[in-house]
PDB file of N, CA and C in Angstrom:
ATOM      1  N   GLN A   1     126.792 109.179  83.933  1.00  0.00           N
ATOM      2  CA  GLN A   1     126.323 107.968  83.256  1.00  0.00           C
ATOM      3  C   GLN A   1     126.222 106.835  84.273  1.00  0.00           C
ATOM      4  N   VAL A   2     125.032 106.320  84.474  1.00  0.00           N
ATOM      5  CA  VAL A   2     124.821 105.242  85.429  1.00  0.00           C
ATOM      6  C   VAL A   2     125.036 103.908  84.735  1.00  0.00           C
ATOM      7  N   GLN A   3     125.781 103.040  85.377  1.00  0.00           N
ATOM      8  CA  GLN A   3     125.940 101.677  84.884  1.00  0.00           C
ATOM      9  C   GLN A   3     125.672 100.709  86.018  1.00  0.00           C
ATOM     10  N   LEU A   4     125.035  99.604  85.679  1.00  0.00           N
ATOM     11  CA  LEU A   4     124.822  98.535  86.649  1.00  0.00           C
ATOM     12  C   LEU A   4     125.841  97.445  86.371  1.00  0.00           C
ATOM     13  N   VAL A   5     126.536  97.033  87.422  1.00  0.00           N
ATOM     14  CA  VAL A   5     127.588  96.032  87.271  1.00  0.00           C
ATOM     15  C   VAL A   5     127.241  94.827  88.130  1.00  0.00           C
ATOM     16  N   GLU A   6     127.102  93.684  87.473  1.00  0.00           N
ATOM     17  CA  GLU A   6     126.753  92.448  88.167  1.00  0.00           C
ATOM     18  C   GLU A   6     127.994  91.620  88.436  1.00  0.00           C
ATOM     19  N   SER A   7     127.895  90.798  89.459  1.00  0.00           N
ATOM     20  CA  SER A   7     128.953  89.842  89.772  1.00  0.00           C
ATOM     21  C   SER A   7     128.343  88.647  90.484  1.00  0.00           C
ATOM     22  N   GLY A   8     129.121  87.558  90.550  1.00  0.00           N
ATOM     23  CA  GLY A   8     128.697  86.405  91.327  1.00  0.00           C
ATOM     24  C   GLY A   8     128.224  85.211  90.529  1.00  0.00           C
ATOM     25  N   GLY A   9     128.118  85.345  89.229  1.00  0.00           N
ATOM     26  CA  GLY A   9     127.710  84.203  88.427  1.00  0.00           C
ATOM     27  C   GLY A   9     128.810  83.158  88.360  1.00  0.00           C
ATOM     28  N   GLY A  10     128.477  82.013  87.774  1.00  0.00           N
ATOM     29  CA  GLY A  10     129.466  80.961  87.639  1.00  0.00           C
ATOM     30  C   GLY A  10     128.835  79.617  87.387  1.00  0.00           C
ATOM     31  N   LEU A  11     129.655  78.591  87.552  1.00  0.00           N
ATOM     32  CA  LEU A  11     129.229  77.204  87.350  1.00  0.00           C
ATOM     33  C   LEU A  11     129.074  76.538  88.705  1.00  0.00           C
ATOM     34  N   VAL A  12     127.952  75.869  88.901  1.00  0.00           N
ATOM     35  CA  VAL A  12     127.683  75.207  90.168  1.00  0.00           C
ATOM     36  C   VAL A  12     126.933  73.912  89.885  1.00  0.00           C
ATOM     37  N   GLN A  13     127.100  72.939  90.771  1.00  0.00           N
ATOM     38  CA  GLN A  13     126.355  71.694  90.620  1.00  0.00           C
ATOM     39  C   GLN A  13     124.933  71.868  91.126  1.00  0.00           C
ATOM     40  N   ALA A  14     124.057  71.034  90.624  1.00  0.00           N
ATOM     41  CA  ALA A  14     122.675  71.047  91.088  1.00  0.00           C
ATOM     42  C   ALA A  14     122.641  70.871  92.605  1.00  0.00           C
ATOM     43  N   GLY A  15     121.778  71.659  93.250  1.00  0.00           N
ATOM     44  CA  GLY A  15     121.700  71.650  94.695  1.00  0.00           C
ATOM     45  C   GLY A  15     122.584  72.680  95.367  1.00  0.00           C
ATOM     46  N   GLY A  16     123.467  73.276  94.602  1.00  0.00           N
ATOM     47  CA  GLY A  16     124.386  74.265  95.149  1.00  0.00           C
ATOM     48  C   GLY A  16     123.778  75.647  95.239  1.00  0.00           C
ATOM     49  N   SER A  17     124.616  76.608  95.623  1.00  0.00           N
ATOM     50  CA  SER A  17     124.163  77.978  95.842  1.00  0.00           C
ATOM     51  C   SER A  17     125.097  78.960  95.154  1.00  0.00           C
ATOM     52  N   LEU A  18     124.541  80.082  94.794  1.00  0.00           N
ATOM     53  CA  LEU A  18     125.297  81.226  94.292  1.00  0.00           C
ATOM     54  C   LEU A  18     124.639  82.486  94.813  1.00  0.00           C
ATOM     55  N   ARG A  19     125.433  83.551  94.928  1.00  0.00           N
ATOM     56  CA  ARG A  19     124.898  84.851  95.311  1.00  0.00           C
ATOM     57  C   ARG A  19     125.315  85.864  94.256  1.00  0.00           C
ATOM     58  N   LEU A  20     124.329  86.473  93.637  1.00  0.00           N
ATOM     59  CA  LEU A  20     124.568  87.514  92.653  1.00  0.00           C
ATOM     60  C   LEU A  20     124.484  88.882  93.324  1.00  0.00           C
ATOM     61  N   SER A  21     125.312  89.798  92.827  1.00  0.00           N
ATOM     62  CA  SER A  21     125.277  91.172  93.301  1.00  0.00           C
ATOM     63  C   SER A  21     125.185  92.100  92.100  1.00  0.00           C
ATOM     64  N   CYS A  22     124.573  93.241  92.312  1.00  0.00           N
ATOM     65  CA  CYS A  22     124.465  94.256  91.265  1.00  0.00           C
ATOM     66  C   CYS A  22     124.603  95.618  91.922  1.00  0.00           C
ATOM     67  N   SER A  23     125.598  96.358  91.489  1.00  0.00           N
ATOM     68  CA  SER A  23     125.842  97.686  92.048  1.00  0.00           C
ATOM     69  C   SER A  23     125.752  98.726  90.952  1.00  0.00           C
ATOM     70  N   ALA A  24     125.314  99.917  91.358  1.00  0.00           N
ATOM     71  CA  ALA A  24     125.209 101.026  90.419  1.00  0.00           C
ATOM     72  C   ALA A  24     126.433 101.920  90.546  1.00  0.00           C
ATOM     73  N   SER A  25     127.066 102.195  89.419  1.00  0.00           N
ATOM     74  CA  SER A  25     128.147 103.172  89.408  1.00  0.00           C
ATOM     75  C   SER A  25     127.601 104.486  88.887  1.00  0.00           C
ATOM     76  N   GLY A  26     128.118 105.579  89.386  1.00  0.00           N
ATOM     77  CA  GLY A  26     127.556 106.863  89.011  1.00  0.00           C
ATOM     78  C   GLY A  26     126.443 107.245  89.977  1.00  0.00           C
ATOM     79  N   SER A  27     125.996 108.474  89.870  1.00  0.00           N
ATOM     80  CA  SER A  27     124.954 108.978  90.772  1.00  0.00           C
ATOM     81  C   SER A  27     123.589 108.465  90.326  1.00  0.00           C
ATOM     82  N   ILE A  28     122.902 107.870  91.261  1.00  0.00           N
ATOM     83  CA  ILE A  28     121.561 107.363  90.962  1.00  0.00           C
ATOM     84  C   ILE A  28     120.683 107.640  92.166  1.00  0.00           C
ATOM     85  N   PHE A  29     119.507 108.226  91.912  1.00  0.00           N
ATOM     86  CA  PHE A  29     118.606 108.621  92.988  1.00  0.00           C
ATOM     87  C   PHE A  29     117.203 108.149  92.666  1.00  0.00           C
ATOM     88  N   ASN A  30     116.428 108.025  93.718  1.00  0.00           N
ATOM     89  CA  ASN A  30     115.005 107.727  93.567  1.00  0.00           C
ATOM     90  C   ASN A  30     114.752 106.411  92.843  1.00  0.00           C
ATOM     91  N   ILE A  31     115.449 105.380  93.270  1.00  0.00           N
ATOM     92  CA  ILE A  31     115.173 104.052  92.727  1.00  0.00           C
ATOM     93  C   ILE A  31     113.801 103.599  93.208  1.00  0.00           C
ATOM     94  N   ASN A  32     113.009 103.070  92.302  1.00  0.00           N
ATOM     95  CA  ASN A  32     111.684 102.566  92.644  1.00  0.00           C
ATOM     96  C   ASN A  32     111.741 101.057  92.923  1.00  0.00           C
ATOM     97  N   THR A  33     112.207 100.306  91.963  1.00  0.00           N
ATOM     98  CA  THR A  33     112.346  98.862  92.149  1.00  0.00           C
ATOM     99  C   THR A  33     113.704  98.391  91.638  1.00  0.00           C
ATOM    100  N   MET A  34     114.154  97.307  92.231  1.00  0.00           N
ATOM    101  CA  MET A  34     115.328  96.601  91.743  1.00  0.00           C
ATOM    102  C   MET A  34     114.877  95.185  91.423  1.00  0.00           C
ATOM    103  N   ASP A  35     115.206  94.722  90.232  1.00  0.00           N
ATOM    104  CA  ASP A  35     114.709  93.424  89.781  1.00  0.00           C
ATOM    105  C   ASP A  35     115.869  92.555  89.308  1.00  0.00           C
ATOM    106  N   TRP A  36     115.612  91.265  89.306  1.00  0.00           N
ATOM    107  CA  TRP A  36     116.474  90.314  88.610  1.00  0.00           C
ATOM    108  C   TRP A  36     115.639  89.621  87.546  1.00  0.00           C
ATOM    109  N   TYR A  37     116.161  89.598  86.338  1.00  0.00           N
ATOM    110  CA  TYR A  37     115.584  88.858  85.234  1.00  0.00           C
ATOM    111  C   TYR A  37     116.588  87.771  84.831  1.00  0.00           C
ATOM    112  N   ARG A  38     116.096  86.826  84.060  1.00  0.00           N
ATOM    113  CA  ARG A  38     117.009  85.851  83.480  1.00  0.00           C
ATOM    114  C   ARG A  38     116.529  85.471  82.086  1.00  0.00           C
ATOM    115  N   GLN A  39     117.490  85.037  81.280  1.00  0.00           N
ATOM    116  CA  GLN A  39     117.173  84.609  79.930  1.00  0.00           C
ATOM    117  C   GLN A  39     117.986  83.373  79.596  1.00  0.00           C
ATOM    118  N   ALA A  40     117.278  82.275  79.368  1.00  0.00           N
ATOM    119  CA  ALA A  40     117.908  81.031  78.976  1.00  0.00           C
ATOM    120  C   ALA A  40     117.987  80.990  77.453  1.00  0.00           C
ATOM    121  N   PRO A  41     118.892  80.201  76.901  1.00  0.00           N
ATOM    122  CA  PRO A  41     119.023  80.115  75.441  1.00  0.00           C
ATOM    123  C   PRO A  41     117.701  79.728  74.778  1.00  0.00           C
ATOM    124  N   GLY A  42     117.319  80.482  73.779  1.00  0.00           N
ATOM    125  CA  GLY A  42     116.104  80.182  73.045  1.00  0.00           C
ATOM    126  C   GLY A  42     114.812  80.551  73.750  1.00  0.00           C
ATOM    127  N   LYS A  43     114.927  81.202  74.896  1.00  0.00           N
ATOM    128  CA  LYS A  43     113.724  81.579  75.659  1.00  0.00           C
ATOM    129  C   LYS A  43     113.663  83.094  75.845  1.00  0.00           C
ATOM    130  N   GLN A  44     112.476  83.555  76.184  1.00  0.00           N
ATOM    131  CA  GLN A  44     112.309  84.984  76.460  1.00  0.00           C
ATOM    132  C   GLN A  44     112.862  85.323  77.839  1.00  0.00           C
ATOM    133  N   ARG A  45     113.248  86.575  77.980  1.00  0.00           N
ATOM    134  CA  ARG A  45     113.699  87.054  79.287  1.00  0.00           C
ATOM    135  C   ARG A  45     112.512  87.028  80.243  1.00  0.00           C
ATOM    136  N   GLU A  46     112.752  86.536  81.452  1.00  0.00           N
ATOM    137  CA  GLU A  46     111.669  86.451  82.432  1.00  0.00           C
ATOM    138  C   GLU A  46     112.066  87.108  83.736  1.00  0.00           C
ATOM    139  N   LEU A  47     111.083  87.656  84.413  1.00  0.00           N
ATOM    140  CA  LEU A  47     111.289  88.297  85.707  1.00  0.00           C
ATOM    141  C   LEU A  47     111.435  87.217  86.774  1.00  0.00           C
ATOM    142  N   VAL A  48     112.494  87.301  87.545  1.00  0.00           N
ATOM    143  CA  VAL A  48     112.762  86.314  88.585  1.00  0.00           C
ATOM    144  C   VAL A  48     112.328  86.825  89.959  1.00  0.00           C
ATOM    145  N   ALA A  49     112.724  88.051  90.273  1.00  0.00           N
ATOM    146  CA  ALA A  49     112.421  88.593  91.596  1.00  0.00           C
ATOM    147  C   ALA A  49     112.478  90.111  91.553  1.00  0.00           C
ATOM    148  N   THR A  50     111.687  90.723  92.429  1.00  0.00           N
ATOM    149  CA  THR A  50     111.613  92.184  92.533  1.00  0.00           C
ATOM    150  C   THR A  50     111.659  92.584  93.991  1.00  0.00           C
ATOM    151  N   ILE A  51     112.327  93.692  94.266  1.00  0.00           N
ATOM    152  CA  ILE A  51     112.256  94.303  95.583  1.00  0.00           C
ATOM    153  C   ILE A  51     112.008  95.792  95.398  1.00  0.00           C
ATOM    154  N   THR A  52     111.045  96.316  96.154  1.00  0.00           N
ATOM    155  CA  THR A  52     110.737  97.740  96.056  1.00  0.00           C
ATOM    156  C   THR A  52     111.626  98.535  97.011  1.00  0.00           C
ATOM    157  N   SER A  53     111.589  99.845  96.866  1.00  0.00           N
ATOM    158  CA  SER A  53     112.381 100.694  97.758  1.00  0.00           C
ATOM    159  C   SER A  53     111.927 100.540  99.206  1.00  0.00           C
ATOM    160  N   GLY A  54     110.689 100.114  99.382  1.00  0.00           N
ATOM    161  CA  GLY A  54     110.169  99.887 100.726  1.00  0.00           C
ATOM    162  C   GLY A  54     110.448  98.503 101.274  1.00  0.00           C
ATOM    163  N   GLY A  55     111.083  97.654 100.458  1.00  0.00           N
ATOM    164  CA  GLY A  55     111.460  96.332 100.929  1.00  0.00           C
ATOM    165  C   GLY A  55     110.487  95.211 100.602  1.00  0.00           C
ATOM    166  N   ARG A  56     109.437  95.541  99.877  1.00  0.00           N
ATOM    167  CA  ARG A  56     108.475  94.504  99.498  1.00  0.00           C
ATOM    168  C   ARG A  56     109.078  93.656  98.384  1.00  0.00           C
ATOM    169  N   THR A  57     108.884  92.347  98.461  1.00  0.00           N
ATOM    170  CA  THR A  57     109.484  91.438  97.485  1.00  0.00           C
ATOM    171  C   THR A  57     108.416  90.624  96.762  1.00  0.00           C
ATOM    172  N   ASN A  58     108.792  90.170  95.578  1.00  0.00           N
ATOM    173  CA  ASN A  58     107.920  89.305  94.802  1.00  0.00           C
ATOM    174  C   ASN A  58     108.804  88.369  93.993  1.00  0.00           C
ATOM    175  N   TYR A  59     108.330  87.131  93.814  1.00  0.00           N
ATOM    176  CA  TYR A  59     109.142  86.119  93.148  1.00  0.00           C
ATOM    177  C   TYR A  59     108.342  85.380  92.078  1.00  0.00           C
ATOM    178  N   ALA A  60     109.045  84.934  91.068  1.00  0.00           N
ATOM    179  CA  ALA A  60     108.450  84.004  90.122  1.00  0.00           C
ATOM    180  C   ALA A  60     108.166  82.693  90.852  1.00  0.00           C
ATOM    181  N   ASP A  61     107.093  82.025  90.449  1.00  0.00           N
ATOM    182  CA  ASP A  61     106.722  80.773  91.119  1.00  0.00           C
ATOM    183  C   ASP A  61     107.848  79.754  91.062  1.00  0.00           C
ATOM    184  N   SER A  62     108.601  79.771  89.978  1.00  0.00           N
ATOM    185  CA  SER A  62     109.642  78.758  89.777  1.00  0.00           C
ATOM    186  C   SER A  62     110.804  78.893  90.768  1.00  0.00           C
ATOM    187  N   VAL A  63     110.938  80.036  91.428  1.00  0.00           N
ATOM    188  CA  VAL A  63     112.070  80.232  92.336  1.00  0.00           C
ATOM    189  C   VAL A  63     111.636  80.464  93.783  1.00  0.00           C
ATOM    190  N   LYS A  64     110.348  80.531  94.034  1.00  0.00           N
ATOM    191  CA  LYS A  64     109.864  80.767  95.404  1.00  0.00           C
ATOM    192  C   LYS A  64     110.392  79.693  96.343  1.00  0.00           C
ATOM    193  N   GLY A  65     110.861  80.147  97.489  1.00  0.00           N
ATOM    194  CA  GLY A  65     111.382  79.218  98.479  1.00  0.00           C
ATOM    195  C   GLY A  65     112.832  78.837  98.271  1.00  0.00           C
ATOM    196  N   ARG A  66     113.393  79.195  97.117  1.00  0.00           N
ATOM    197  CA  ARG A  66     114.799  78.879  96.833  1.00  0.00           C
ATOM    198  C   ARG A  66     115.658  80.128  96.672  1.00  0.00           C
ATOM    199  N   PHE A  67     115.089  81.181  96.116  1.00  0.00           N
ATOM    200  CA  PHE A  67     115.828  82.422  95.870  1.00  0.00           C
ATOM    201  C   PHE A  67     115.352  83.495  96.844  1.00  0.00           C
ATOM    202  N   THR A  68     116.281  84.359  97.228  1.00  0.00           N
ATOM    203  CA  THR A  68     115.951  85.492  98.089  1.00  0.00           C
ATOM    204  C   THR A  68     116.587  86.754  97.529  1.00  0.00           C
ATOM    205  N   ILE A  69     115.770  87.764  97.300  1.00  0.00           N
ATOM    206  CA  ILE A  69     116.267  89.054  96.841  1.00  0.00           C
ATOM    207  C   ILE A  69     116.374  89.988  98.040  1.00  0.00           C
ATOM    208  N   SER A  70     117.443  90.771  98.070  1.00  0.00           N
ATOM    209  CA  SER A  70     117.618  91.750  99.137  1.00  0.00           C
ATOM    210  C   SER A  70     118.360  92.949  98.557  1.00  0.00           C
ATOM    211  N   SER A  71     118.374  94.022  99.307  1.00  0.00           N
ATOM    212  CA  SER A  71     119.020  95.226  98.791  1.00  0.00           C
ATOM    213  C   SER A  71     119.674  96.019  99.904  1.00  0.00           C
ATOM    214  N   ASP A  72     120.636  96.805  99.530  1.00  0.00           N
ATOM    215  CA  ASP A  72     121.258  97.785 100.411  1.00  0.00           C
ATOM    216  C   ASP A  72     120.990  99.131  99.747  1.00  0.00           C
ATOM    217  N   ASN A  73     120.012  99.855 100.261  1.00  0.00           N
ATOM    218  CA  ASN A  73     119.587 101.091  99.610  1.00  0.00           C
ATOM    219  C   ASN A  73     120.616 102.214  99.750  1.00  0.00           C
ATOM    220  N   VAL A  74     121.479 102.113 100.724  1.00  0.00           N
ATOM    221  CA  VAL A  74     122.544 103.110 100.863  1.00  0.00           C
ATOM    222  C   VAL A  74     123.570 102.931  99.753  1.00  0.00           C
ATOM    223  N   LYS A  75     123.886 101.684  99.461  1.00  0.00           N
ATOM    224  CA  LYS A  75     124.868 101.375  98.419  1.00  0.00           C
ATOM    225  C   LYS A  75     124.246 101.208  97.039  1.00  0.00           C
ATOM    226  N   ASN A  76     122.903 101.319  96.960  1.00  0.00           N
ATOM    227  CA  ASN A  76     122.200 101.094  95.681  1.00  0.00           C
ATOM    228  C   ASN A  76     122.575  99.754  95.066  1.00  0.00           C
ATOM    229  N   THR A  77     122.612  98.745  95.915  1.00  0.00           N
ATOM    230  CA  THR A  77     123.026  97.412  95.501  1.00  0.00           C
ATOM    231  C   THR A  77     121.897  96.421  95.764  1.00  0.00           C
ATOM    232  N   VAL A  78     121.728  95.504  94.843  1.00  0.00           N
ATOM    233  CA  VAL A  78     120.734  94.451  95.002  1.00  0.00           C
ATOM    234  C   VAL A  78     121.441  93.103  94.919  1.00  0.00           C
ATOM    235  N   TYR A  79     120.927  92.149  95.679  1.00  0.00           N
ATOM    236  CA  TYR A  79     121.511  90.813  95.745  1.00  0.00           C
ATOM    237  C   TYR A  79     120.453  89.773  95.393  1.00  0.00           C
ATOM    238  N   LEU A  80     120.920  88.653  94.923  1.00  0.00           N
ATOM    239  CA  LEU A  80     120.029  87.511  94.710  1.00  0.00           C
ATOM    240  C   LEU A  80     120.740  86.270  95.236  1.00  0.00           C
ATOM    241  N   GLN A  81     120.257  85.778  96.370  1.00  0.00           N
ATOM    242  CA  GLN A  81     120.782  84.547  96.936  1.00  0.00           C
ATOM    243  C   GLN A  81     120.010  83.393  96.322  1.00  0.00           C
ATOM    244  N   MET A  82     120.726  82.505  95.674  1.00  0.00           N
ATOM    245  CA  MET A  82     120.093  81.386  94.968  1.00  0.00           C
ATOM    246  C   MET A  82     120.546  80.087  95.613  1.00  0.00           C
ATOM    247  N   ASN A  83     119.597  79.379  96.194  1.00  0.00           N
ATOM    248  CA  ASN A  83     119.880  78.094  96.840  1.00  0.00           C
ATOM    249  C   ASN A  83     119.158  76.972  96.110  1.00  0.00           C
ATOM    250  N   SER A  84     119.575  75.757  96.392  1.00  0.00           N
ATOM    251  CA  SER A  84     118.944  74.578  95.777  1.00  0.00           C
ATOM    252  C   SER A  84     118.823  74.745  94.266  1.00  0.00           C
ATOM    253  N   LEU A  85     119.899  75.145  93.654  1.00  0.00           N
ATOM    254  CA  LEU A  85     119.867  75.439  92.220  1.00  0.00           C
ATOM    255  C   LEU A  85     119.600  74.179  91.405  1.00  0.00           C
ATOM    256  N   LYS A  86     118.884  74.390  90.306  1.00  0.00           N
ATOM    257  CA  LYS A  86     118.496  73.305  89.400  1.00  0.00           C
ATOM    258  C   LYS A  86     119.066  73.598  88.009  1.00  0.00           C
ATOM    259  N   PRO A  87     119.257  72.574  87.200  1.00  0.00           N
ATOM    260  CA  PRO A  87     119.748  72.823  85.830  1.00  0.00           C
ATOM    261  C   PRO A  87     118.874  73.804  85.061  1.00  0.00           C
ATOM    262  N   GLU A  88     117.591  73.812  85.338  1.00  0.00           N
ATOM    263  CA  GLU A  88     116.691  74.739  84.631  1.00  0.00           C
ATOM    264  C   GLU A  88     116.858  76.184  85.083  1.00  0.00           C
ATOM    265  N   ASP A  89     117.669  76.429  86.084  1.00  0.00           N
ATOM    266  CA  ASP A  89     117.999  77.801  86.481  1.00  0.00           C
ATOM    267  C   ASP A  89     119.128  78.369  85.623  1.00  0.00           C
ATOM    268  N   THR A  90     119.720  77.547  84.784  1.00  0.00           N
ATOM    269  CA  THR A  90     120.800  78.003  83.912  1.00  0.00           C
ATOM    270  C   THR A  90     120.302  79.098  82.977  1.00  0.00           C
ATOM    271  N   ALA A  91     120.979  80.239  83.004  1.00  0.00           N
ATOM    272  CA  ALA A  91     120.565  81.396  82.207  1.00  0.00           C
ATOM    273  C   ALA A  91     121.571  82.522  82.414  1.00  0.00           C
ATOM    274  N   VAL A  92     121.422  83.559  81.615  1.00  0.00           N
ATOM    275  CA  VAL A  92     122.097  84.820  81.890  1.00  0.00           C
ATOM    276  C   VAL A  92     121.166  85.632  82.779  1.00  0.00           C
ATOM    277  N   TYR A  93     121.679  86.102  83.886  1.00  0.00           N
ATOM    278  CA  TYR A  93     120.893  86.864  84.854  1.00  0.00           C
ATOM    279  C   TYR A  93     121.230  88.346  84.726  1.00  0.00           C
ATOM    280  N   TYR A  94     120.176  89.154  84.669  1.00  0.00           N
ATOM    281  CA  TYR A  94     120.322  90.591  84.499  1.00  0.00           C
ATOM    282  C   TYR A  94     119.676  91.319  85.669  1.00  0.00           C
ATOM    283  N   CYS A  95     120.335  92.345  86.168  1.00  0.00           N
ATOM    284  CA  CYS A  95     119.670  93.215  87.131  1.00  0.00           C
ATOM    285  C   CYS A  95     119.063  94.405  86.375  1.00  0.00           C
ATOM    286  N   HIS A  96     118.067  94.986  86.985  1.00  0.00           N
ATOM    287  CA  HIS A  96     117.277  96.034  86.331  1.00  0.00           C
ATOM    288  C   HIS A  96     116.753  96.963  87.410  1.00  0.00           C
ATOM    289  N   TYR A  97     116.941  98.260  87.246  1.00  0.00           N
ATOM    290  CA  TYR A  97     116.426  99.246  88.187  1.00  0.00           C
ATOM    291  C   TYR A  97     115.399 100.119  87.475  1.00  0.00           C
ATOM    292  N   THR A  98     114.292 100.378  88.142  1.00  0.00           N
ATOM    293  CA  THR A  98     113.352 101.382  87.661  1.00  0.00           C
ATOM    294  C   THR A  98     113.372 102.558  88.626  1.00  0.00           C
ATOM    295  N   MET A  99     112.994 103.716  88.109  1.00  0.00           N
ATOM    296  CA  MET A  99     113.113 104.956  88.878  1.00  0.00           C
ATOM    297  C   MET A  99     111.742 105.530  89.193  1.00  0.00           C
ATOM    298  N   ARG A 100     111.657 106.204  90.321  1.00  0.00           N
ATOM    299  CA  ARG A 100     110.430 106.938  90.643  1.00  0.00           C
ATOM    300  C   ARG A 100     110.334 108.171  89.762  1.00  0.00           C
ATOM    301  N   TRP A 101     109.117 108.531  89.404  1.00  0.00           N
ATOM    302  CA  TRP A 101     108.825 109.786  88.699  1.00  0.00           C
ATOM    303  C   TRP A 101     109.589 109.924  87.384  1.00  0.00           C
ATOM    304  N   SER A 102     109.935 108.830  86.787  1.00  0.00           N
ATOM    305  CA  SER A 102     110.697 108.875  85.556  1.00  0.00           C
ATOM    306  C   SER A 102     110.477 107.578  84.781  1.00  0.00           C
ATOM    307  N   ALA A 103     110.569 107.694  83.462  1.00  0.00           N
ATOM    308  CA  ALA A 103     110.480 106.502  82.625  1.00  0.00           C
ATOM    309  C   ALA A 103     111.838 105.835  82.444  1.00  0.00           C
ATOM    310  N   LEU A 104     112.870 106.418  83.085  1.00  0.00           N
ATOM    311  CA  LEU A 104     114.196 105.844  82.939  1.00  0.00           C
ATOM    312  C   LEU A 104     114.286 104.488  83.624  1.00  0.00           C
ATOM    313  N   ASP A 105     115.018 103.585  83.004  1.00  0.00           N
ATOM    314  CA  ASP A 105     115.382 102.363  83.688  1.00  0.00           C
ATOM    315  C   ASP A 105     116.784 101.956  83.243  1.00  0.00           C
ATOM    316  N   TYR A 106     117.382 101.068  84.015  1.00  0.00           N
ATOM    317  CA  TYR A 106     118.762 100.679  83.757  1.00  0.00           C
ATOM    318  C   TYR A 106     118.888  99.155  83.807  1.00  0.00           C
ATOM    319  N   TRP A 107     119.743  98.652  82.936  1.00  0.00           N
ATOM    320  CA  TRP A 107     120.004  97.217  82.870  1.00  0.00           C
ATOM    321  C   TRP A 107     121.491  96.952  83.086  1.00  0.00           C
ATOM    322  N   GLY A 108     121.775  95.838  83.754  1.00  0.00           N
ATOM    323  CA  GLY A 108     123.139  95.367  83.836  1.00  0.00           C
ATOM    324  C   GLY A 108     123.511  94.605  82.568  1.00  0.00           C
ATOM    325  N   GLN A 109     124.772  94.236  82.481  1.00  0.00           N
ATOM    326  CA  GLN A 109     125.267  93.583  81.271  1.00  0.00           C
ATOM    327  C   GLN A 109     124.987  92.085  81.267  1.00  0.00           C
ATOM    328  N   GLY A 110     124.593  91.555  82.403  1.00  0.00           N
ATOM    329  CA  GLY A 110     124.282  90.127  82.498  1.00  0.00           C
ATOM    330  C   GLY A 110     125.435  89.317  83.066  1.00  0.00           C
ATOM    331  N   THR A 111     125.090  88.312  83.819  1.00  0.00           N
ATOM    332  CA  THR A 111     126.086  87.388  84.358  1.00  0.00           C
ATOM    333  C   THR A 111     125.582  85.955  84.165  1.00  0.00           C
ATOM    334  N   GLN A 112     126.461  85.093  83.691  1.00  0.00           N
ATOM    335  CA  GLN A 112     126.065  83.724  83.358  1.00  0.00           C
ATOM    336  C   GLN A 112     126.004  82.866  84.610  1.00  0.00           C
ATOM    337  N   VAL A 113     124.912  82.148  84.749  1.00  0.00           N
ATOM    338  CA  VAL A 113     124.771  81.134  85.792  1.00  0.00           C
ATOM    339  C   VAL A 113     124.528  79.803  85.096  1.00  0.00           C
ATOM    340  N   THR A 114     125.376  78.838  85.379  1.00  0.00           N
ATOM    341  CA  THR A 114     125.254  77.517  84.784  1.00  0.00           C
ATOM    342  C   THR A 114     125.176  76.477  85.895  1.00  0.00           C
ATOM    343  N   VAL A 115     124.119  75.690  85.866  1.00  0.00           N
ATOM    344  CA  VAL A 115     123.920  74.655  86.881  1.00  0.00           C
ATOM    345  C   VAL A 115     124.024  73.305  86.196  1.00  0.00           C
ATOM    346  N   SER A 116     124.990  72.525  86.612  1.00  0.00           N
ATOM    347  CA  SER A 116     125.197  71.206  86.013  1.00  0.00           C
ATOM    348  C   SER A 116     124.443  70.141  86.795  1.00  0.00           C
ATOM    349  N   SER A 117     123.999  69.126  86.092  1.00  0.00           N
ATOM    350  CA  SER A 117     123.225  68.049  86.743  1.00  0.00           C
ATOM    351  C   SER A 117     124.139  66.947  87.241  1.00  0.00           C
TER     352      SER A 117
END
């Protein structure tokens, strides 16, 4: 049974930084993409950043230049470095893995990020 476990959320002042981590427990092979999503109260879940197994990255316009996604493919771990945080970044952040050659995907349980003004 594969589980994704996130860590690194918390409360930070505007302009501050946080680093989120997401690790997979259990055997997991052939990861295609690792993503970070977020969901603010009363809003739909949105894609924040993606990294492919080949290292290609993509970001939502709202976080470009402030957030950096990276991964350790040996450890099956994905990170999200968040700098210059804004109150509008406040949300529950979820990691998400998609698999090659399979419709399977996995979600983490979510970690709260709160940015105070």
